Amino acid sequence: MPTLTIDDFEASLKSSAPPAGISALVLALWHDGRGDWDAAHRVAQDVETDDGAWVHAYLHRKEGDAGNAAYWYRRAQRPIARGPLEDEWRDIATALLGE
């Protein structure tokens, strides 16, 4: 299967179904990118890795729960993000896609 680029991934947000073969965390970002925070959170909270904690932190930051987000950034071993949410979403997606 060809590698999914960030541009292809962003374009997939217009589709009614996620791209085939994506990881759980990329799926979480896909749901979030389509405006379904709850579905994104359901997927992300079950991934117990540093990357899972990063996605979880981003989602709680987006939700406006700074304290919970800070906890998850610590679990992810990452600094608390302060830039635009859209930039962080793209940074995470790019990292998870291996670009």
PDB file of N, CA and C in Angstrom:
ATOM      1  N   MET A   1       0.845  -1.173   0.000  1.00  0.00           N
ATOM      2  CA  MET A   1       0.000   0.000   0.000  1.00  0.00           C
ATOM      3  C   MET A   1       0.900   1.249   0.000  1.00  0.00           C
ATOM      4  N   PRO A   2       0.607   2.206  -0.880  1.00  0.00           N
ATOM      5  CA  PRO A   2       1.419   3.426  -0.896  1.00  0.00           C
ATOM      6  C   PRO A   2       1.271   4.211   0.401  1.00  0.00           C
ATOM      7  N   THR A   3       2.317   4.953   0.712  1.00  0.00           N
ATOM      8  CA  THR A   3       2.302   5.766   1.909  1.00  0.00           C
ATOM      9  C   THR A   3       1.301   6.906   1.753  1.00  0.00           C
ATOM     10  N   LEU A   4       0.537   7.154   2.789  1.00  0.00           N
ATOM     11  CA  LEU A   4      -0.424   8.248   2.800  1.00  0.00           C
ATOM     12  C   LEU A   4       0.310   9.528   3.177  1.00  0.00           C
ATOM     13  N   THR A   5       0.235  10.530   2.318  1.00  0.00           N
ATOM     14  CA  THR A   5       0.878  11.811   2.616  1.00  0.00           C
ATOM     15  C   THR A   5      -0.064  12.670   3.451  1.00  0.00           C
ATOM     16  N   ILE A   6       0.484  13.708   4.057  1.00  0.00           N
ATOM     17  CA  ILE A   6      -0.351  14.621   4.839  1.00  0.00           C
ATOM     18  C   ILE A   6      -1.383  15.294   3.938  1.00  0.00           C
ATOM     19  N   ASP A   7      -0.999  15.634   2.709  1.00  0.00           N
ATOM     20  CA  ASP A   7      -1.959  16.264   1.794  1.00  0.00           C
ATOM     21  C   ASP A   7      -3.093  15.312   1.439  1.00  0.00           C
ATOM     22  N   ASP A   8      -2.753  14.043   1.195  1.00  0.00           N
ATOM     23  CA  ASP A   8      -3.786  13.040   0.912  1.00  0.00           C
ATOM     24  C   ASP A   8      -4.687  12.839   2.126  1.00  0.00           C
ATOM     25  N   PHE A   9      -4.064  12.822   3.296  1.00  0.00           N
ATOM     26  CA  PHE A   9      -4.843  12.637   4.525  1.00  0.00           C
ATOM     27  C   PHE A   9      -5.813  13.794   4.725  1.00  0.00           C
ATOM     28  N   GLU A  10      -5.330  15.011   4.553  1.00  0.00           N
ATOM     29  CA  GLU A  10      -6.221  16.166   4.693  1.00  0.00           C
ATOM     30  C   GLU A  10      -7.335  16.125   3.658  1.00  0.00           C
ATOM     31  N   ALA A  11      -7.029  15.709   2.438  1.00  0.00           N
ATOM     32  CA  ALA A  11      -8.063  15.599   1.403  1.00  0.00           C
ATOM     33  C   ALA A  11      -9.101  14.545   1.767  1.00  0.00           C
ATOM     34  N   SER A  12      -8.677  13.503   2.495  1.00  0.00           N
ATOM     35  CA  SER A  12      -9.609  12.430   2.873  1.00  0.00           C
ATOM     36  C   SER A  12     -10.682  12.901   3.843  1.00  0.00           C
ATOM     37  N   LEU A  13     -10.466  14.062   4.464  1.00  0.00           N
ATOM     38  CA  LEU A  13     -11.459  14.576   5.415  1.00  0.00           C
ATOM     39  C   LEU A  13     -12.779  14.916   4.721  1.00  0.00           C
ATOM     40  N   LYS A  14     -12.745  15.046   3.405  1.00  0.00           N
ATOM     41  CA  LYS A  14     -13.964  15.330   2.642  1.00  0.00           C
ATOM     42  C   LYS A  14     -14.751  14.058   2.345  1.00  0.00           C
ATOM     43  N   SER A  15     -14.148  12.901   2.589  1.00  0.00           N
ATOM     44  CA  SER A  15     -14.799  11.615   2.338  1.00  0.00           C
ATOM     45  C   SER A  15     -15.639  11.207   3.536  1.00  0.00           C
ATOM     46  N   SER A  16     -16.589  10.326   3.287  1.00  0.00           N
ATOM     47  CA  SER A  16     -17.443   9.863   4.387  1.00  0.00           C
ATOM     48  C   SER A  16     -16.808   8.714   5.161  1.00  0.00           C
ATOM     49  N   ALA A  17     -15.728   8.152   4.626  1.00  0.00           N
ATOM     50  CA  ALA A  17     -15.041   7.057   5.310  1.00  0.00           C
ATOM     51  C   ALA A  17     -13.549   7.370   5.361  1.00  0.00           C
ATOM     52  N   PRO A  18     -12.890   6.935   6.424  1.00  0.00           N
ATOM     53  CA  PRO A  18     -11.446   7.188   6.535  1.00  0.00           C
ATOM     54  C   PRO A  18     -10.669   6.367   5.523  1.00  0.00           C
ATOM     55  N   PRO A  19      -9.433   6.758   5.251  1.00  0.00           N
ATOM     56  CA  PRO A  19      -8.594   5.948   4.366  1.00  0.00           C
ATOM     57  C   PRO A  19      -8.389   4.550   4.956  1.00  0.00           C
ATOM     58  N   ALA A  20      -8.283   3.583   4.081  1.00  0.00           N
ATOM     59  CA  ALA A  20      -8.078   2.196   4.526  1.00  0.00           C
ATOM     60  C   ALA A  20      -6.684   2.035   5.134  1.00  0.00           C
ATOM     61  N   GLY A  21      -6.606   1.205   6.159  1.00  0.00           N
ATOM     62  CA  GLY A  21      -5.325   0.799   6.701  1.00  0.00           C
ATOM     63  C   GLY A  21      -4.622   1.806   7.592  1.00  0.00           C
ATOM     64  N   ILE A  22      -5.318   2.829   8.051  1.00  0.00           N
ATOM     65  CA  ILE A  22      -4.661   3.812   8.909  1.00  0.00           C
ATOM     66  C   ILE A  22      -4.642   3.326  10.356  1.00  0.00           C
ATOM     67  N   SER A  23      -3.688   3.840  11.114  1.00  0.00           N
ATOM     68  CA  SER A  23      -3.579   3.458  12.523  1.00  0.00           C
ATOM     69  C   SER A  23      -4.716   4.068  13.336  1.00  0.00           C
ATOM     70  N   ALA A  24      -4.874   3.569  14.540  1.00  0.00           N
ATOM     71  CA  ALA A  24      -5.919   4.089  15.425  1.00  0.00           C
ATOM     72  C   ALA A  24      -5.728   5.588  15.680  1.00  0.00           C
ATOM     73  N   LEU A  25      -4.494   6.018  15.879  1.00  0.00           N
ATOM     74  CA  LEU A  25      -4.269   7.431  16.182  1.00  0.00           C
ATOM     75  C   LEU A  25      -4.527   8.321  14.974  1.00  0.00           C
ATOM     76  N   VAL A  26      -4.172   7.858  13.793  1.00  0.00           N
ATOM     77  CA  VAL A  26      -4.490   8.623  12.581  1.00  0.00           C
ATOM     78  C   VAL A  26      -6.011   8.658  12.408  1.00  0.00           C
ATOM     79  N   LEU A  27      -6.682   7.565  12.734  1.00  0.00           N
ATOM     80  CA  LEU A  27      -8.143   7.542  12.689  1.00  0.00           C
ATOM     81  C   LEU A  27      -8.719   8.564  13.665  1.00  0.00           C
ATOM     82  N   ALA A  28      -8.143   8.663  14.853  1.00  0.00           N
ATOM     83  CA  ALA A  28      -8.612   9.656  15.826  1.00  0.00           C
ATOM     84  C   ALA A  28      -8.493  11.068  15.240  1.00  0.00           C
ATOM     85  N   LEU A  29      -7.357  11.352  14.616  1.00  0.00           N
ATOM     86  CA  LEU A  29      -7.182  12.680  14.006  1.00  0.00           C
ATOM     87  C   LEU A  29      -8.139  12.880  12.838  1.00  0.00           C
ATOM     88  N   TRP A  30      -8.434  11.824  12.104  1.00  0.00           N
ATOM     89  CA  TRP A  30      -9.401  11.915  11.004  1.00  0.00           C
ATOM     90  C   TRP A  30     -10.774  12.321  11.553  1.00  0.00           C
ATOM     91  N   HIS A  31     -11.206  11.649  12.615  1.00  0.00           N
ATOM     92  CA  HIS A  31     -12.498  12.006  13.220  1.00  0.00           C
ATOM     93  C   HIS A  31     -12.476  13.456  13.699  1.00  0.00           C
ATOM     94  N   ASP A  32     -11.395  13.847  14.361  1.00  0.00           N
ATOM     95  CA  ASP A  32     -11.303  15.226  14.842  1.00  0.00           C
ATOM     96  C   ASP A  32     -11.314  16.205  13.673  1.00  0.00           C
ATOM     97  N   GLY A  33     -10.604  15.880  12.625  1.00  0.00           N
ATOM     98  CA  GLY A  33     -10.565  16.749  11.451  1.00  0.00           C
ATOM     99  C   GLY A  33     -11.910  16.908  10.783  1.00  0.00           C
ATOM    100  N   ARG A  34     -12.801  15.958  11.008  1.00  0.00           N
ATOM    101  CA  ARG A  34     -14.159  16.024  10.475  1.00  0.00           C
ATOM    102  C   ARG A  34     -15.146  16.605  11.499  1.00  0.00           C
ATOM    103  N   GLY A  35     -14.603  17.057  12.625  1.00  0.00           N
ATOM    104  CA  GLY A  35     -15.455  17.706  13.617  1.00  0.00           C
ATOM    105  C   GLY A  35     -16.105  16.785  14.630  1.00  0.00           C
ATOM    106  N   ASP A  36     -15.661  15.546  14.716  1.00  0.00           N
ATOM    107  CA  ASP A  36     -16.245  14.592  15.659  1.00  0.00           C
ATOM    108  C   ASP A  36     -15.261  14.347  16.807  1.00  0.00           C
ATOM    109  N   TRP A  37     -15.218  15.301  17.738  1.00  0.00           N
ATOM    110  CA  TRP A  37     -14.299  15.220  18.865  1.00  0.00           C
ATOM    111  C   TRP A  37     -14.549  13.962  19.687  1.00  0.00           C
ATOM    112  N   ASP A  38     -15.818  13.631  19.916  1.00  0.00           N
ATOM    113  CA  ASP A  38     -16.145  12.474  20.755  1.00  0.00           C
ATOM    114  C   ASP A  38     -15.589  11.179  20.174  1.00  0.00           C
ATOM    115  N   ALA A  39     -15.762  10.971  18.875  1.00  0.00           N
ATOM    116  CA  ALA A  39     -15.224   9.759  18.238  1.00  0.00           C
ATOM    117  C   ALA A  39     -13.700   9.761  18.315  1.00  0.00           C
ATOM    118  N   ALA A  40     -13.101  10.921  18.086  1.00  0.00           N
ATOM    119  CA  ALA A  40     -11.641  11.026  18.163  1.00  0.00           C
ATOM    120  C   ALA A  40     -11.151  10.647  19.557  1.00  0.00           C
ATOM    121  N   HIS A  41     -11.819  11.157  20.565  1.00  0.00           N
ATOM    122  CA  HIS A  41     -11.415  10.886  21.945  1.00  0.00           C
ATOM    123  C   HIS A  41     -11.598   9.416  22.299  1.00  0.00           C
ATOM    124  N   ARG A  42     -12.697   8.819  21.856  1.00  0.00           N
ATOM    125  CA  ARG A  42     -12.936   7.390  22.127  1.00  0.00           C
ATOM    126  C   ARG A  42     -11.787   6.540  21.581  1.00  0.00           C
ATOM    127  N   VAL A  43     -11.315   6.868  20.383  1.00  0.00           N
ATOM    128  CA  VAL A  43     -10.227   6.098  19.782  1.00  0.00           C
ATOM    129  C   VAL A  43      -8.911   6.374  20.516  1.00  0.00           C
ATOM    130  N   ALA A  44      -8.598   7.643  20.724  1.00  0.00           N
ATOM    131  CA  ALA A  44      -7.297   8.024  21.291  1.00  0.00           C
ATOM    132  C   ALA A  44      -7.116   7.531  22.722  1.00  0.00           C
ATOM    133  N   GLN A  45      -8.163   7.522  23.501  1.00  0.00           N
ATOM    134  CA  GLN A  45      -7.994   7.162  24.914  1.00  0.00           C
ATOM    135  C   GLN A  45      -7.631   5.697  25.107  1.00  0.00           C
ATOM    136  N   ASP A  46      -7.775   4.882  24.079  1.00  0.00           N
ATOM    137  CA  ASP A  46      -7.432   3.466  24.200  1.00  0.00           C
ATOM    138  C   ASP A  46      -6.017   3.137  23.734  1.00  0.00           C
ATOM    139  N   VAL A  47      -5.267   4.149  23.279  1.00  0.00           N
ATOM    140  CA  VAL A  47      -3.903   3.908  22.791  1.00  0.00           C
ATOM    141  C   VAL A  47      -2.925   4.373  23.865  1.00  0.00           C
ATOM    142  N   GLU A  48      -2.303   3.413  24.541  1.00  0.00           N
ATOM    143  CA  GLU A  48      -1.452   3.725  25.694  1.00  0.00           C
ATOM    144  C   GLU A  48       0.021   3.794  25.305  1.00  0.00           C
ATOM    145  N   THR A  49       0.333   4.745  24.421  1.00  0.00           N
ATOM    146  CA  THR A  49       1.710   5.002  23.996  1.00  0.00           C
ATOM    147  C   THR A  49       1.967   6.498  24.156  1.00  0.00           C
ATOM    148  N   ASP A  50       3.222   6.896  23.990  1.00  0.00           N
ATOM    149  CA  ASP A  50       3.523   8.330  24.037  1.00  0.00           C
ATOM    150  C   ASP A  50       2.760   9.077  22.951  1.00  0.00           C
ATOM    151  N   ASP A  51       2.684   8.505  21.747  1.00  0.00           N
ATOM    152  CA  ASP A  51       1.926   9.164  20.680  1.00  0.00           C
ATOM    153  C   ASP A  51       0.439   9.220  21.016  1.00  0.00           C
ATOM    154  N   GLY A  52      -0.067   8.184  21.645  1.00  0.00           N
ATOM    155  CA  GLY A  52      -1.463   8.192  22.079  1.00  0.00           C
ATOM    156  C   GLY A  52      -1.713   9.298  23.093  1.00  0.00           C
ATOM    157  N   ALA A  53      -0.764   9.480  24.000  1.00  0.00           N
ATOM    158  CA  ALA A  53      -0.882  10.552  24.985  1.00  0.00           C
ATOM    159  C   ALA A  53      -0.824  11.922  24.306  1.00  0.00           C
ATOM    160  N   TRP A  54      -0.021  12.036  23.246  1.00  0.00           N
ATOM    161  CA  TRP A  54       0.072  13.305  22.513  1.00  0.00           C
ATOM    162  C   TRP A  54      -1.262  13.653  21.854  1.00  0.00           C
ATOM    163  N   VAL A  55      -1.857  12.685  21.185  1.00  0.00           N
ATOM    164  CA  VAL A  55      -3.164  12.935  20.560  1.00  0.00           C
ATOM    165  C   VAL A  55      -4.184  13.260  21.640  1.00  0.00           C
ATOM    166  N   HIS A  56      -4.143  12.530  22.737  1.00  0.00           N
ATOM    167  CA  HIS A  56      -5.071  12.754  23.850  1.00  0.00           C
ATOM    168  C   HIS A  56      -4.888  14.172  24.413  1.00  0.00           C
ATOM    169  N   ALA A  57      -3.638  14.597  24.556  1.00  0.00           N
ATOM    170  CA  ALA A  57      -3.346  15.952  25.048  1.00  0.00           C
ATOM    171  C   ALA A  57      -3.923  16.999  24.111  1.00  0.00           C
ATOM    172  N   TYR A  58      -3.671  16.832  22.821  1.00  0.00           N
ATOM    173  CA  TYR A  58      -4.206  17.770  21.825  1.00  0.00           C
ATOM    174  C   TYR A  58      -5.726  17.861  21.934  1.00  0.00           C
ATOM    175  N   LEU A  59      -6.384  16.714  22.052  1.00  0.00           N
ATOM    176  CA  LEU A  59      -7.848  16.715  22.104  1.00  0.00           C
ATOM    177  C   LEU A  59      -8.362  17.451  23.339  1.00  0.00           C
ATOM    178  N   HIS A  60      -7.715  17.248  24.490  1.00  0.00           N
ATOM    179  CA  HIS A  60      -8.159  17.958  25.695  1.00  0.00           C
ATOM    180  C   HIS A  60      -7.823  19.438  25.609  1.00  0.00           C
ATOM    181  N   ARG A  61      -6.728  19.780  24.970  1.00  0.00           N
ATOM    182  CA  ARG A  61      -6.425  21.199  24.739  1.00  0.00           C
ATOM    183  C   ARG A  61      -7.511  21.820  23.864  1.00  0.00           C
ATOM    184  N   LYS A  62      -7.902  21.116  22.820  1.00  0.00           N
ATOM    185  CA  LYS A  62      -8.958  21.622  21.926  1.00  0.00           C
ATOM    186  C   LYS A  62     -10.270  21.763  22.687  1.00  0.00           C
ATOM    187  N   GLU A  63     -10.528  20.836  23.571  1.00  0.00           N
ATOM    188  CA  GLU A  63     -11.753  20.861  24.377  1.00  0.00           C
ATOM    189  C   GLU A  63     -11.767  22.052  25.337  1.00  0.00           C
ATOM    190  N   GLY A  64     -10.582  22.577  25.641  1.00  0.00           N
ATOM    191  CA  GLY A  64     -10.490  23.693  26.582  1.00  0.00           C
ATOM    192  C   GLY A  64     -10.159  23.268  28.003  1.00  0.00           C
ATOM    193  N   ASP A  65      -9.811  22.003  28.176  1.00  0.00           N
ATOM    194  CA  ASP A  65      -9.470  21.468  29.502  1.00  0.00           C
ATOM    195  C   ASP A  65      -7.947  21.504  29.663  1.00  0.00           C
ATOM    196  N   ALA A  66      -7.416  22.679  30.001  1.00  0.00           N
ATOM    197  CA  ALA A  66      -5.963  22.889  30.053  1.00  0.00           C
ATOM    198  C   ALA A  66      -5.273  21.984  31.070  1.00  0.00           C
ATOM    199  N   GLY A  67      -5.893  21.761  32.214  1.00  0.00           N
ATOM    200  CA  GLY A  67      -5.285  20.917  33.238  1.00  0.00           C
ATOM    201  C   GLY A  67      -5.137  19.477  32.771  1.00  0.00           C
ATOM    202  N   ASN A  68      -6.180  18.935  32.198  1.00  0.00           N
ATOM    203  CA  ASN A  68      -6.130  17.564  31.687  1.00  0.00           C
ATOM    204  C   ASN A  68      -5.162  17.469  30.517  1.00  0.00           C
ATOM    205  N   ALA A  69      -5.167  18.476  29.648  1.00  0.00           N
ATOM    206  CA  ALA A  69      -4.227  18.497  28.524  1.00  0.00           C
ATOM    207  C   ALA A  69      -2.790  18.478  29.044  1.00  0.00           C
ATOM    208  N   ALA A  70      -2.497  19.288  30.056  1.00  0.00           N
ATOM    209  CA  ALA A  70      -1.141  19.345  30.611  1.00  0.00           C
ATOM    210  C   ALA A  70      -0.705  17.972  31.125  1.00  0.00           C
ATOM    211  N   TYR A  71      -1.610  17.272  31.789  1.00  0.00           N
ATOM    212  CA  TYR A  71      -1.312  15.922  32.269  1.00  0.00           C
ATOM    213  C   TYR A  71      -0.905  15.017  31.104  1.00  0.00           C
ATOM    214  N   TRP A  72      -1.681  15.061  30.013  1.00  0.00           N
ATOM    215  CA  TRP A  72      -1.407  14.196  28.873  1.00  0.00           C
ATOM    216  C   TRP A  72      -0.150  14.619  28.126  1.00  0.00           C
ATOM    217  N   TYR A  73       0.158  15.918  28.063  1.00  0.00           N
ATOM    218  CA  TYR A  73       1.442  16.331  27.480  1.00  0.00           C
ATOM    219  C   TYR A  73       2.599  15.756  28.293  1.00  0.00           C
ATOM    220  N   ARG A  74       2.474  15.778  29.622  1.00  0.00           N
ATOM    221  CA  ARG A  74       3.520  15.185  30.462  1.00  0.00           C
ATOM    222  C   ARG A  74       3.657  13.692  30.167  1.00  0.00           C
ATOM    223  N   ARG A  75       2.535  12.985  30.065  1.00  0.00           N
ATOM    224  CA  ARG A  75       2.560  11.550  29.739  1.00  0.00           C
ATOM    225  C   ARG A  75       3.199  11.300  28.379  1.00  0.00           C
ATOM    226  N   ALA A  76       2.989  12.240  27.450  1.00  0.00           N
ATOM    227  CA  ALA A  76       3.555  12.111  26.105  1.00  0.00           C
ATOM    228  C   ALA A  76       5.026  12.518  26.061  1.00  0.00           C
ATOM    229  N   GLN A  77       5.510  13.077  27.187  1.00  0.00           N
ATOM    230  CA  GLN A  77       6.875  13.597  27.266  1.00  0.00           C
ATOM    231  C   GLN A  77       7.101  14.696  26.226  1.00  0.00           C
ATOM    232  N   ARG A  78       6.114  15.598  26.148  1.00  0.00           N
ATOM    233  CA  ARG A  78       6.165  16.705  25.194  1.00  0.00           C
ATOM    234  C   ARG A  78       5.811  17.998  25.925  1.00  0.00           C
ATOM    235  N   PRO A  79       6.352  19.112  25.442  1.00  0.00           N
ATOM    236  CA  PRO A  79       5.961  20.395  26.033  1.00  0.00           C
ATOM    237  C   PRO A  79       4.503  20.714  25.699  1.00  0.00           C
ATOM    238  N   ILE A  80       3.877  21.480  26.554  1.00  0.00           N
ATOM    239  CA  ILE A  80       2.496  21.896  26.299  1.00  0.00           C
ATOM    240  C   ILE A  80       2.480  22.775  25.050  1.00  0.00           C
ATOM    241  N   ALA A  81       1.649  22.404  24.103  1.00  0.00           N
ATOM    242  CA  ALA A  81       1.542  23.178  22.863  1.00  0.00           C
ATOM    243  C   ALA A  81       0.847  24.501  23.146  1.00  0.00           C
ATOM    244  N   ARG A  82       1.295  25.533  22.475  1.00  0.00           N
ATOM    245  CA  ARG A  82       0.721  26.863  22.687  1.00  0.00           C
ATOM    246  C   ARG A  82       0.282  27.516  21.384  1.00  0.00           C
ATOM    247  N   GLY A  83       0.674  26.939  20.251  1.00  0.00           N
ATOM    248  CA  GLY A  83       0.337  27.515  18.958  1.00  0.00           C
ATOM    249  C   GLY A  83      -1.090  27.185  18.539  1.00  0.00           C
ATOM    250  N   PRO A  84      -1.439  27.560  17.312  1.00  0.00           N
ATOM    251  CA  PRO A  84      -2.787  27.269  16.807  1.00  0.00           C
ATOM    252  C   PRO A  84      -3.074  25.765  16.799  1.00  0.00           C
ATOM    253  N   LEU A  85      -4.290  25.415  17.152  1.00  0.00           N
ATOM    254  CA  LEU A  85      -4.697  24.012  17.177  1.00  0.00           C
ATOM    255  C   LEU A  85      -4.515  23.356  15.814  1.00  0.00           C
ATOM    256  N   GLU A  86      -4.811  24.089  14.748  1.00  0.00           N
ATOM    257  CA  GLU A  86      -4.685  23.539  13.399  1.00  0.00           C
ATOM    258  C   GLU A  86      -3.237  23.137  13.106  1.00  0.00           C
ATOM    259  N   ASP A  87      -2.297  23.930  13.589  1.00  0.00           N
ATOM    260  CA  ASP A  87      -0.878  23.611  13.388  1.00  0.00           C
ATOM    261  C   ASP A  87      -0.492  22.357  14.162  1.00  0.00           C
ATOM    262  N   GLU A  88      -0.987  22.243  15.387  1.00  0.00           N
ATOM    263  CA  GLU A  88      -0.656  21.060  16.173  1.00  0.00           C
ATOM    264  C   GLU A  88      -1.273  19.817  15.541  1.00  0.00           C
ATOM    265  N   TRP A  89      -2.510  19.907  15.079  1.00  0.00           N
ATOM    266  CA  TRP A  89      -3.163  18.766  14.417  1.00  0.00           C
ATOM    267  C   TRP A  89      -2.305  18.298  13.248  1.00  0.00           C
ATOM    268  N   ARG A  90      -1.851  19.258  12.436  1.00  0.00           N
ATOM    269  CA  ARG A  90      -1.040  18.922  11.253  1.00  0.00           C
ATOM    270  C   ARG A  90       0.319  18.352  11.677  1.00  0.00           C
ATOM    271  N   ASP A  91       0.924  18.900  12.716  1.00  0.00           N
ATOM    272  CA  ASP A  91       2.209  18.384  13.209  1.00  0.00           C
ATOM    273  C   ASP A  91       2.072  16.930  13.676  1.00  0.00           C
ATOM    274  N   ILE A  92       1.020  16.659  14.418  1.00  0.00           N
ATOM    275  CA  ILE A  92       0.803  15.285  14.909  1.00  0.00           C
ATOM    276  C   ILE A  92       0.548  14.344  13.734  1.00  0.00           C
ATOM    277  N   ALA A  93      -0.339  14.752  12.844  1.00  0.00           N
ATOM    278  CA  ALA A  93      -0.653  13.895  11.697  1.00  0.00           C
ATOM    279  C   ALA A  93       0.599  13.622  10.866  1.00  0.00           C
ATOM    280  N   THR A  94       1.393  14.646  10.633  1.00  0.00           N
ATOM    281  CA  THR A  94       2.616  14.478   9.849  1.00  0.00           C
ATOM    282  C   THR A  94       3.562  13.489  10.529  1.00  0.00           C
ATOM    283  N   ALA A  95       3.705  13.617  11.840  1.00  0.00           N
ATOM    284  CA  ALA A  95       4.578  12.703  12.601  1.00  0.00           C
ATOM    285  C   ALA A  95       4.042  11.277  12.536  1.00  0.00           C
ATOM    286  N   LEU A  96       2.751  11.109  12.714  1.00  0.00           N
ATOM    287  CA  LEU A  96       2.169   9.767  12.728  1.00  0.00           C
ATOM    288  C   LEU A  96       2.207   9.117  11.353  1.00  0.00           C
ATOM    289  N   LEU A  97       2.129   9.924  10.307  1.00  0.00           N
ATOM    290  CA  LEU A  97       2.189   9.393   8.951  1.00  0.00           C
ATOM    291  C   LEU A  97       3.625   9.102   8.517  1.00  0.00           C
ATOM    292  N   GLY A  98       4.583   9.514   9.349  1.00  0.00           N
ATOM    293  CA  GLY A  98       5.969   9.217   9.063  1.00  0.00           C
ATOM    294  C   GLY A  98       6.608  10.117   8.027  1.00  0.00           C
ATOM    295  N   GLU A  99       6.070  11.310   7.868  1.00  0.00           N
ATOM    296  CA  GLU A  99       6.635  12.246   6.894  1.00  0.00           C
ATOM    297  C   GLU A  99       7.740  13.063   7.530  1.00  0.00           C
TER     298      GLU A  99
END
